[in-house]
Amino acid sequence: MSVVATDKYGRIRIPQKILKKIGSTRFIIVLRDNEIVLKPLKNIKLKDLFDTVEIDVPAESFRDYSELKKYLVKGG
């Protein structure tokens, strides 16, 4: 347990050992029954938001962007 104080702007400093244990630097703040609750948001890597896509396109289409675009947009 740690005791923290607010500065003149209302900010608090969360000890680094707690931040490392939680693994987040962003939080949702909730006021519940006269208590402040901080819920950590997961740090997400951008690549985790994308999946792979398989397409049936001839290999030579990848050499020419306009040809590849034709297959992707119009279906061939």
C-alpha atoms as a PDB file:
ATOM      1  CA  MET A   1       0.000   0.000   0.000  1.00  0.00           C
ATOM      2  CA  SER A   2       1.189   3.511  -0.807  1.00  0.00           C
ATOM      3  CA  VAL A   3      -0.047   6.885   0.303  1.00  0.00           C
ATOM      4  CA  VAL A   4      -0.136   9.534  -2.425  1.00  0.00           C
ATOM      5  CA  ALA A   5      -1.091  13.205  -2.416  1.00  0.00           C
ATOM      6  CA  THR A   6      -2.435  15.478  -5.113  1.00  0.00           C
ATOM      7  CA  ASP A   7      -0.530  18.491  -6.377  1.00  0.00           C
ATOM      8  CA  LYS A   8      -2.114  21.906  -6.882  1.00  0.00           C
ATOM      9  CA  TYR A   9      -3.502  20.729 -10.260  1.00  0.00           C
ATOM     10  CA  GLY A  10      -5.193  17.637  -8.785  1.00  0.00           C
ATOM     11  CA  ARG A  11      -2.648  15.169 -10.211  1.00  0.00           C
ATOM     12  CA  ILE A  12      -1.427  12.143  -8.334  1.00  0.00           C
ATOM     13  CA  ARG A  13       1.768  10.200  -8.886  1.00  0.00           C
ATOM     14  CA  ILE A  14       1.451   6.434  -8.982  1.00  0.00           C
ATOM     15  CA  PRO A  15       4.641   4.684  -7.795  1.00  0.00           C
ATOM     16  CA  GLN A  16       6.628   3.144 -10.637  1.00  0.00           C
ATOM     17  CA  LYS A  17       6.693  -0.314  -9.029  1.00  0.00           C
ATOM     18  CA  ILE A  18       2.878  -0.345  -9.116  1.00  0.00           C
ATOM     19  CA  LEU A  19       2.773   0.796 -12.757  1.00  0.00           C
ATOM     20  CA  LYS A  20       5.264  -1.908 -13.746  1.00  0.00           C
ATOM     21  CA  LYS A  21       3.263  -4.574 -11.920  1.00  0.00           C
ATOM     22  CA  ILE A  22       0.024  -3.482 -13.597  1.00  0.00           C
ATOM     23  CA  GLY A  23       1.678  -3.032 -16.997  1.00  0.00           C
ATOM     24  CA  SER A  24      -0.317   0.040 -17.969  1.00  0.00           C
ATOM     25  CA  THR A  25       0.087   3.806 -17.961  1.00  0.00           C
ATOM     26  CA  ARG A  26      -3.507   4.659 -18.922  1.00  0.00           C
ATOM     27  CA  PHE A  27      -6.492   4.290 -16.635  1.00  0.00           C
ATOM     28  CA  ILE A  28     -10.229   4.760 -16.475  1.00  0.00           C
ATOM     29  CA  ILE A  29     -11.186   6.702 -13.371  1.00  0.00           C
ATOM     30  CA  VAL A  30     -14.457   5.818 -11.650  1.00  0.00           C
ATOM     31  CA  LEU A  31     -16.088   7.430  -8.633  1.00  0.00           C
ATOM     32  CA  ARG A  32     -17.805   4.654  -6.682  1.00  0.00           C
ATOM     33  CA  ASP A  33     -19.402   5.159  -3.260  1.00  0.00           C
ATOM     34  CA  ASN A  34     -17.214   8.164  -2.492  1.00  0.00           C
ATOM     35  CA  GLU A  35     -14.042   6.266  -3.535  1.00  0.00           C
ATOM     36  CA  ILE A  36     -11.834   6.815  -6.563  1.00  0.00           C
ATOM     37  CA  VAL A  37     -11.153   3.623  -8.510  1.00  0.00           C
ATOM     38  CA  LEU A  38      -8.514   3.460 -11.264  1.00  0.00           C
ATOM     39  CA  LYS A  39      -8.998   0.684 -13.818  1.00  0.00           C
ATOM     40  CA  PRO A  40      -5.972   0.047 -16.045  1.00  0.00           C
ATOM     41  CA  LEU A  41      -6.369   0.039 -19.802  1.00  0.00           C
ATOM     42  CA  LYS A  42      -4.351  -2.539 -21.674  1.00  0.00           C
ATOM     43  CA  ASN A  43      -1.549  -1.206 -23.817  1.00  0.00           C
ATOM     44  CA  ILE A  44      -2.259  -2.624 -27.254  1.00  0.00           C
ATOM     45  CA  LYS A  45       0.278  -2.966 -30.021  1.00  0.00           C
ATOM     46  CA  LEU A  46      -1.051  -1.670 -33.342  1.00  0.00           C
ATOM     47  CA  LYS A  47      -0.281  -4.956 -35.063  1.00  0.00           C
ATOM     48  CA  ASP A  48      -2.624  -6.753 -32.619  1.00  0.00           C
ATOM     49  CA  LEU A  49      -5.566  -4.913 -34.188  1.00  0.00           C
ATOM     50  CA  PHE A  50      -5.051  -6.528 -37.583  1.00  0.00           C
ATOM     51  CA  ASP A  51      -5.540 -10.074 -38.794  1.00  0.00           C
ATOM     52  CA  THR A  52      -4.112 -11.777 -41.824  1.00  0.00           C
ATOM     53  CA  VAL A  53      -6.126 -12.053 -44.993  1.00  0.00           C
ATOM     54  CA  GLU A  54      -5.798 -14.742 -47.608  1.00  0.00           C
ATOM     55  CA  ILE A  55      -6.622 -13.819 -51.184  1.00  0.00           C
ATOM     56  CA  ASP A  56      -6.597 -15.715 -54.431  1.00  0.00           C
ATOM     57  CA  VAL A  57      -4.472 -13.440 -56.602  1.00  0.00           C
ATOM     58  CA  PRO A  58      -1.862 -14.439 -59.175  1.00  0.00           C
ATOM     59  CA  ALA A  59       1.676 -13.936 -57.843  1.00  0.00           C
ATOM     60  CA  GLU A  60       2.648 -11.655 -60.754  1.00  0.00           C
ATOM     61  CA  SER A  61      -0.054  -9.165 -59.634  1.00  0.00           C
ATOM     62  CA  PHE A  62       2.123  -8.222 -56.668  1.00  0.00           C
ATOM     63  CA  ARG A  63       4.732  -6.747 -59.015  1.00  0.00           C
ATOM     64  CA  ASP A  64       2.325  -4.114 -60.356  1.00  0.00           C
ATOM     65  CA  TYR A  65       0.224  -2.179 -57.851  1.00  0.00           C
ATOM     66  CA  SER A  66      -2.472  -1.252 -60.383  1.00  0.00           C
ATOM     67  CA  GLU A  67      -2.859  -4.927 -61.314  1.00  0.00           C
ATOM     68  CA  LEU A  68      -3.078  -5.947 -57.662  1.00  0.00           C
ATOM     69  CA  LYS A  69      -5.631  -3.214 -56.983  1.00  0.00           C
ATOM     70  CA  LYS A  70      -7.707  -4.478 -59.912  1.00  0.00           C
ATOM     71  CA  TYR A  71      -7.893  -7.946 -58.351  1.00  0.00           C
ATOM     72  CA  LEU A  72      -8.619  -6.660 -54.881  1.00  0.00           C
ATOM     73  CA  VAL A  73     -11.281  -4.099 -55.822  1.00  0.00           C
ATOM     74  CA  LYS A  74     -12.967  -5.679 -58.821  1.00  0.00           C
ATOM     75  CA  GLY A  75     -12.226  -9.324 -58.156  1.00  0.00           C
ATOM     76  CA  GLY A  76     -10.040  -9.899 -61.204  1.00  0.00           C
END
